[in-house]
Amino acid sequence: MNLIVLGGTRFLGRHFVEAALARGHAVTIFTRGRIAVPWMGGVRHLVGDRDPATAPGLAALADGSWDAAIDCSGYVPRCVRASAQMLAGHAGRYLFVSSMSAYAEPVVARSDESEPVATLDDPASEDVTAHYGALKAACEREVVAAFGAERATIIRPGLIVGPHDSTDRFGYWVARFAAPALLGDRGEEIVVPAPPERPIQFIDARDLAVWMVVLVERRMAGVYNACSEAGQWTMGDLVDALMDSAQRRGRVPRPVWIDEAALLAAGVAPWTGLPLWIPGNDPAMAGFLEIGCRRAHRAGLALRPLAATVADTLQWLLARDNAGAWQKALTAREERSLVAGR
């Protein structure tokens, strides 16, 4: 197949390109040209801008022809509308990477793709930080409007993790257990949000990327929640995998399970201060890490063992420049205070 990727040099887009090349497909990437292309001569590179108001805009897409377009970098409906309308006559289908955040609150545990999505109070808003989920949902509608439901594939991933993940959410836990020096002066006692049976949910970007290639190969349309299945993993499962990784490096960390009342009283920020932690008493988001993904798994989504994602993330973290990472995570001082007060 001949594929065009909007993005392609960062995280999920990068993994998608590698998966597509490995399966013998021809790949074109469309980027702003600010990041070096990792594949020497292996892909065609078009330069432009997702925002049609910023020259040269989407002009580079006007003359090509592709079997499918893969959009890993769409956040603003106006820009997604422009790319989808431009490509509607140049690509056989459009796969858009949305998000589980597109669902309207409250997020219900084990809900499926039929749940309502968020809407914008101000349809003109382009404030991605404030309205990320509602904007993603609006982007989905633009894709379907341009391509029709039969040529549109909408993927709603949860937390995407693994090598090249610059958000450092999953990476925080890998570093904290197996390579704590990356986080500064840290002791062996590690604050972990109780209880161990707390459900968590994420997906390795490489597994998501391979499955996305399969979807376009099979010309599968529709909406898919794409993550580990609801209830597949708990915080205790993650800690077990992290402990094994740490022990392989000669470390013996000690998890300290802190209940969420103590975490909230100490001012720890959910999701950012302690990644993967959403308080159970949050009525809007309590089900966010337990969304049903059965449809995607029935359509061929397969996940590697958790230990493999931990190991590969660790190797990537050890090799990269970590300056400036984990600025919002729990500090060493805050962690010691929580441990002392337990």
Protein backbone atom coordinates (compact mmCIF):
# COMPACT_ATOMS: atom_id res chain seq x y z
CA MET A 1 0.00 0.00 0.00
CA ASN A 2 0.95 3.63 -0.48
CA LEU A 3 0.42 5.54 2.77
CA ILE A 4 0.62 9.19 3.85
CA VAL A 5 1.25 9.99 7.51
CA LEU A 6 0.43 13.45 8.86
CA GLY A 7 3.27 13.69 11.34
CA GLY A 8 5.52 10.68 11.49
CA THR A 9 8.71 11.74 13.24
CA ARG A 10 7.46 11.65 16.84
CA PHE A 11 6.26 8.86 19.12
CA LEU A 12 3.17 7.10 17.69
CA GLY A 13 3.68 8.47 14.19
CA ARG A 14 7.29 7.30 14.21
CA HIS A 15 6.27 3.81 15.36
CA PHE A 16 3.56 3.69 12.69
CA VAL A 17 6.05 4.50 9.95
CA GLU A 18 8.40 1.79 11.18
CA ALA A 19 5.57 -0.76 11.35
CA ALA A 20 4.36 0.14 7.85
CA LEU A 21 7.85 -0.10 6.37
CA ALA A 22 8.40 -3.45 8.08
CA ARG A 23 5.24 -4.75 6.38
CA GLY A 24 6.46 -3.63 2.96
CA HIS A 25 4.38 -0.48 2.45
CA ALA A 26 5.50 2.75 0.78
CA VAL A 27 5.32 5.68 3.21
CA THR A 28 5.15 9.44 2.73
CA ILE A 29 5.31 11.70 5.77
CA PHE A 30 4.02 15.27 5.96
CA THR A 31 5.70 17.40 8.64
CA ARG A 32 6.82 20.95 9.34
CA GLY A 33 10.40 19.84 8.74
CA ARG A 34 11.59 20.72 12.24
CA ILE A 35 12.71 17.23 13.30
CA ALA A 36 15.27 15.11 11.48
CA VAL A 37 13.75 12.20 9.58
CA PRO A 38 15.00 8.93 11.14
CA TRP A 39 14.81 6.90 7.92
CA MET A 40 17.60 7.60 5.47
CA GLY A 41 15.88 7.56 2.09
CA GLY A 42 13.28 5.07 3.28
CA VAL A 43 10.34 7.46 3.16
CA ARG A 44 9.20 10.35 1.01
CA HIS A 45 9.12 13.59 3.01
CA LEU A 46 6.72 16.43 2.28
CA VAL A 47 7.03 19.72 4.17
CA GLY A 48 4.16 22.03 5.05
CA ASP A 49 1.89 23.00 7.92
CA ARG A 50 -1.34 21.49 9.31
CA ASP A 51 -2.70 25.02 9.70
CA PRO A 52 -3.83 26.17 6.24
CA ALA A 53 -3.38 29.77 7.41
CA THR A 54 0.36 29.20 7.89
CA ALA A 55 2.35 29.12 4.64
CA PRO A 56 2.98 26.84 2.84
CA GLY A 57 0.02 25.09 4.45
CA LEU A 58 -1.17 21.86 2.83
CA ALA A 59 -0.03 22.62 -0.72
CA ALA A 60 2.39 19.67 -0.76
CA LEU A 61 -0.56 17.26 -0.51
CA ALA A 62 -2.31 18.53 -3.63
CA ASP A 63 -0.64 16.26 -6.21
CA GLY A 64 -0.24 12.92 -4.45
CA SER A 65 -2.34 9.76 -4.40
CA TRP A 66 -2.44 7.33 -1.49
CA ASP A 67 -4.37 4.26 -0.38
CA ALA A 68 -4.79 5.70 3.11
CA ALA A 69 -3.99 8.78 5.16
CA ILE A 70 -3.00 8.36 8.81
CA ASP A 71 -3.48 11.37 11.05
CA CYS A 72 -1.45 11.17 14.26
CA SER A 73 -1.23 14.93 14.81
CA GLY A 74 -4.75 16.35 14.61
CA TYR A 75 -5.95 18.42 17.57
CA VAL A 76 -7.84 21.39 16.11
CA PRO A 77 -11.03 20.80 14.06
CA ARG A 78 -10.31 23.64 11.63
CA CYS A 79 -6.97 22.10 10.72
CA VAL A 80 -8.29 18.54 10.54
CA ARG A 81 -11.14 19.76 8.33
CA ALA A 82 -8.61 21.29 5.93
CA SER A 83 -6.45 18.15 5.70
CA ALA A 84 -9.43 15.80 5.41
CA GLN A 85 -11.04 17.88 2.67
CA MET A 86 -7.72 18.17 0.85
CA LEU A 87 -7.10 14.42 0.99
CA ALA A 88 -10.67 13.25 0.32
CA GLY A 89 -9.90 13.07 -3.42
CA HIS A 90 -6.33 11.83 -2.96
CA ALA A 91 -6.59 9.03 -0.38
CA GLY A 92 -8.75 5.94 -0.20
CA ARG A 93 -9.46 6.29 3.52
CA TYR A 94 -8.54 8.38 6.54
CA LEU A 95 -7.47 6.91 9.87
CA PHE A 96 -7.66 9.49 12.63
CA VAL A 97 -6.03 9.01 16.02
CA SER A 98 -8.43 10.50 18.54
CA SER A 99 -8.45 9.75 22.27
CA MET A 100 -10.50 8.16 25.03
CA SER A 101 -10.61 11.70 26.38
CA ALA A 102 -13.18 12.39 23.65
CA TYR A 103 -15.90 10.85 25.82
CA ALA A 104 -18.24 13.10 27.74
CA GLU A 105 -17.96 13.12 31.50
CA PRO A 106 -18.71 11.25 33.65
CA VAL A 107 -16.62 8.46 32.13
CA VAL A 108 -18.27 5.14 32.98
CA ALA A 109 -16.16 2.07 33.74
CA ARG A 110 -16.29 -0.62 31.02
CA SER A 111 -18.22 1.65 28.68
CA ASP A 112 -17.85 1.12 24.92
CA GLU A 113 -17.76 3.16 21.72
CA SER A 114 -21.49 3.93 21.92
CA GLU A 115 -21.02 6.38 24.80
CA PRO A 116 -21.63 10.09 24.03
CA VAL A 117 -18.63 12.27 23.26
CA ALA A 118 -17.79 15.67 24.70
CA THR A 119 -18.95 18.87 23.01
CA LEU A 120 -17.54 22.39 22.97
CA ASP A 121 -19.46 25.17 24.68
CA ASP A 122 -17.72 27.50 22.23
CA PRO A 123 -17.36 25.77 18.83
CA ALA A 124 -14.72 28.33 17.84
CA SER A 125 -12.39 27.38 20.71
CA GLU A 126 -8.97 26.03 19.77
CA ASP A 127 -7.66 25.83 23.34
CA VAL A 128 -6.27 22.29 23.27
CA THR A 129 -5.13 22.36 26.90
CA ALA A 130 -8.55 23.34 28.21
CA HIS A 131 -10.72 21.34 25.79
CA TYR A 132 -8.56 18.48 24.55
CA GLY A 133 -11.27 15.80 24.58
CA ALA A 134 -14.04 17.90 23.06
CA LEU A 135 -11.69 19.13 20.33
CA LYS A 136 -10.71 15.54 19.50
CA ALA A 137 -14.38 14.63 19.23
CA ALA A 138 -14.97 17.58 16.89
CA CYS A 139 -11.97 16.47 14.79
CA GLU A 140 -13.57 13.03 14.44
CA ARG A 141 -16.70 14.63 13.00
CA GLU A 142 -14.66 16.56 10.44
CA VAL A 143 -13.03 13.34 9.21
CA VAL A 144 -16.37 11.57 8.81
CA ALA A 145 -17.85 14.62 7.07
CA ALA A 146 -15.04 14.66 4.51
CA PHE A 147 -14.60 10.92 3.91
CA GLY A 148 -17.94 9.41 4.86
CA ALA A 149 -18.37 6.74 7.53
CA GLU A 150 -17.37 3.94 5.17
CA ARG A 151 -13.93 5.46 4.50
CA ALA A 152 -13.21 6.81 7.99
CA THR A 153 -11.46 4.90 10.77
CA ILE A 154 -11.43 6.52 14.22
CA ILE A 155 -9.04 5.22 16.89
CA ARG A 156 -9.54 6.28 20.51
CA PRO A 157 -6.45 5.22 22.46
CA GLY A 158 -6.01 5.59 26.17
CA LEU A 159 -2.59 6.42 27.60
CA ILE A 160 0.03 5.55 24.96
CA VAL A 161 3.36 4.43 26.42
CA GLY A 162 6.76 3.03 25.46
CA PRO A 163 9.97 4.28 23.83
CA HIS A 164 9.88 7.88 22.51
CA ASP A 165 7.04 8.89 24.86
CA SER A 166 7.90 12.48 25.73
CA THR A 167 5.02 12.85 28.22
CA ASP A 168 7.08 10.76 30.69
CA ARG A 169 4.01 9.51 32.55
CA PHE A 170 4.75 5.80 32.21
CA GLY A 171 8.45 6.61 32.08
CA TYR A 172 8.24 8.13 35.57
CA TRP A 173 7.44 4.76 37.09
CA VAL A 174 10.08 2.92 35.08
CA ALA A 175 12.75 5.43 36.08
CA ARG A 176 11.62 5.63 39.71
CA PHE A 177 11.94 1.89 40.25
CA ALA A 178 14.76 0.82 37.93
CA ALA A 179 16.87 3.97 37.42
CA PRO A 180 16.03 6.46 40.20
CA ALA A 181 19.16 8.53 39.57
CA LEU A 182 17.39 9.86 36.47
CA LEU A 183 15.00 11.61 38.86
CA GLY A 184 17.72 13.00 41.15
CA ASP A 185 18.38 12.11 44.76
CA ARG A 186 15.81 9.42 45.49
CA GLY A 187 15.67 6.78 48.20
CA GLU A 188 14.59 3.16 47.90
CA GLU A 189 11.13 3.81 49.40
CA ILE A 190 8.72 4.66 46.60
CA VAL A 191 5.29 6.23 47.03
CA VAL A 192 2.65 4.28 45.12
CA PRO A 193 -1.09 5.11 45.08
CA ALA A 194 -3.09 2.48 46.97
CA PRO A 195 -4.79 0.11 46.57
CA PRO A 196 -2.76 -2.45 44.57
CA GLU A 197 -5.95 -3.67 42.87
CA ARG A 198 -6.59 -0.22 41.37
CA PRO A 199 -7.28 -0.76 37.62
CA ILE A 200 -4.93 0.92 35.16
CA GLN A 201 -5.01 1.01 31.40
CA PHE A 202 -2.51 1.89 28.68
CA ILE A 203 -1.09 0.64 25.39
CA ASP A 204 2.42 0.29 24.01
CA ALA A 205 2.72 2.63 21.02
CA ARG A 206 4.34 -0.12 18.96
CA ASP A 207 1.37 -2.46 19.45
CA LEU A 208 -1.03 0.34 18.55
CA ALA A 209 1.02 1.21 15.45
CA VAL A 210 1.10 -2.36 14.10
CA TRP A 211 -2.64 -2.71 14.59
CA MET A 212 -3.27 0.61 12.82
CA VAL A 213 -1.38 -0.74 9.80
CA VAL A 214 -3.54 -3.86 9.90
CA LEU A 215 -6.70 -1.74 9.98
CA VAL A 216 -5.77 0.16 6.83
CA GLU A 217 -4.62 -3.05 5.13
CA ARG A 218 -8.05 -4.56 5.82
CA ARG A 219 -9.88 -1.32 5.03
CA MET A 220 -11.74 -1.47 8.33
CA ALA A 221 -13.95 1.52 9.12
CA GLY A 222 -15.63 2.59 12.34
CA VAL A 223 -14.70 3.69 15.85
CA TYR A 224 -12.43 1.68 18.13
CA ASN A 225 -11.32 2.18 21.73
CA ALA A 226 -7.70 1.07 21.60
CA CYS A 227 -5.98 0.15 24.83
CA SER A 228 -5.44 -2.76 27.19
CA GLU A 229 -8.76 -4.36 27.98
CA ALA A 230 -10.65 -3.07 31.00
CA GLY A 231 -9.39 -4.89 34.10
CA GLN A 232 -6.42 -6.49 32.33
CA TRP A 233 -3.85 -4.76 34.54
CA THR A 234 -3.80 -3.23 38.01
CA MET A 235 -1.37 -0.93 39.77
CA GLY A 236 -0.13 -4.00 41.59
CA ASP A 237 0.64 -5.72 38.27
CA LEU A 238 2.65 -2.70 37.15
CA VAL A 239 4.58 -2.57 40.44
CA ASP A 240 5.40 -6.28 40.12
CA ALA A 241 6.82 -5.71 36.62
CA LEU A 242 8.75 -2.66 37.82
CA MET A 243 10.17 -4.55 40.80
CA ASP A 244 11.38 -7.32 38.51
CA SER A 245 13.05 -4.76 36.23
CA ALA A 246 14.72 -3.07 39.21
CA GLN A 247 15.96 -6.33 40.69
CA ARG A 248 17.53 -7.30 37.37
CA ARG A 249 19.64 -4.16 37.78
CA GLY A 250 20.60 -5.07 41.34
CA ARG A 251 18.17 -2.72 43.01
CA VAL A 252 15.72 -3.59 45.81
CA PRO A 253 13.17 -0.74 45.95
CA ARG A 254 10.41 -0.77 48.53
CA PRO A 255 6.94 0.28 47.37
CA VAL A 256 5.06 2.29 49.98
CA TRP A 257 1.34 2.15 49.30
CA ILE A 258 -0.27 5.46 50.29
CA ASP A 259 -4.05 5.82 50.33
CA GLU A 260 -5.49 8.54 48.17
CA ALA A 261 -6.88 10.54 51.09
CA ALA A 262 -3.30 11.09 52.28
CA LEU A 263 -2.13 11.88 48.76
CA LEU A 264 -4.87 14.47 48.28
CA ALA A 265 -4.25 15.98 51.72
CA ALA A 266 -0.58 16.39 50.80
CA GLY A 267 -1.53 18.23 47.60
CA VAL A 268 -0.27 15.56 45.20
CA ALA A 269 -1.66 16.29 41.73
CA PRO A 270 -3.52 13.33 40.20
CA TRP A 271 -2.21 12.13 36.82
CA THR A 272 0.76 14.54 36.78
CA GLY A 273 2.19 14.39 40.30
CA LEU A 274 1.71 10.63 40.37
CA PRO A 275 1.11 9.41 36.81
CA LEU A 276 -1.66 6.83 36.27
CA TRP A 277 -3.38 7.90 39.50
CA ILE A 278 -6.95 9.18 39.25
CA PRO A 279 -8.73 9.36 42.62
CA GLY A 280 -11.57 6.92 42.97
CA ASN A 281 -13.79 9.68 44.36
CA ASP A 282 -13.52 11.75 41.17
CA PRO A 283 -17.06 11.38 39.79
CA ALA A 284 -16.13 12.62 36.33
CA MET A 285 -13.08 10.44 35.67
CA ALA A 286 -13.35 7.43 37.99
CA GLY A 287 -13.91 5.06 35.05
CA PHE A 288 -11.26 6.55 32.74
CA LEU A 289 -8.68 3.77 33.26
CA GLU A 290 -11.26 1.03 32.81
CA ILE A 291 -12.86 1.66 29.41
CA GLY A 292 -14.03 -1.27 27.32
CA CYS A 293 -11.79 -2.13 24.33
CA ARG A 294 -13.30 -5.46 23.31
CA ARG A 295 -14.11 -4.31 19.78
CA ALA A 296 -10.47 -3.47 19.03
CA HIS A 297 -9.19 -6.73 20.47
CA ARG A 298 -11.71 -8.67 18.39
CA ALA A 299 -10.42 -6.75 15.38
CA GLY A 300 -6.87 -8.00 15.97
CA LEU A 301 -5.32 -5.63 18.52
CA ALA A 302 -2.66 -7.62 20.39
CA LEU A 303 -0.50 -6.45 23.29
CA ARG A 304 3.02 -7.48 24.22
CA PRO A 305 3.79 -8.52 27.81
CA LEU A 306 3.93 -5.65 30.30
CA ALA A 307 7.50 -6.62 31.21
CA ALA A 308 8.61 -6.03 27.61
CA THR A 309 7.23 -2.49 27.58
CA VAL A 310 8.93 -1.76 30.91
CA ALA A 311 12.28 -3.15 29.70
CA ASP A 312 12.25 -1.29 26.38
CA THR A 313 11.14 1.97 27.98
CA LEU A 314 13.99 1.67 30.47
CA GLN A 315 16.58 1.20 27.73
CA TRP A 316 15.24 4.24 25.90
CA LEU A 317 15.28 6.36 29.06
CA LEU A 318 18.87 5.35 29.82
CA ALA A 319 19.97 6.38 26.33
CA ARG A 320 18.17 9.71 25.96
CA ASP A 321 18.87 13.15 27.41
CA ASN A 322 16.59 13.42 30.45
CA ALA A 323 17.28 17.09 31.18
CA GLY A 324 14.00 18.83 31.89
CA ALA A 325 12.00 15.63 32.34
CA TRP A 326 9.47 15.04 35.15
CA GLN A 327 9.09 18.70 36.08
CA LYS A 328 5.56 18.15 37.40
CA ALA A 329 6.11 14.78 39.08
CA LEU A 330 6.26 14.20 42.81
CA THR A 331 9.54 15.66 44.10
CA ALA A 332 12.03 13.81 46.28
CA ARG A 333 11.16 16.06 49.21
CA GLU A 334 7.42 15.49 48.80
CA GLU A 335 7.97 11.77 48.52
CA ARG A 336 10.08 11.58 51.68
CA SER A 337 7.43 13.56 53.56
CA LEU A 338 4.68 11.17 52.50
CA VAL A 339 6.76 8.14 53.45
CA ALA A 340 7.59 9.61 56.85
CA GLY A 341 3.96 10.41 57.59
CA ARG A 342 2.44 7.09 56.64
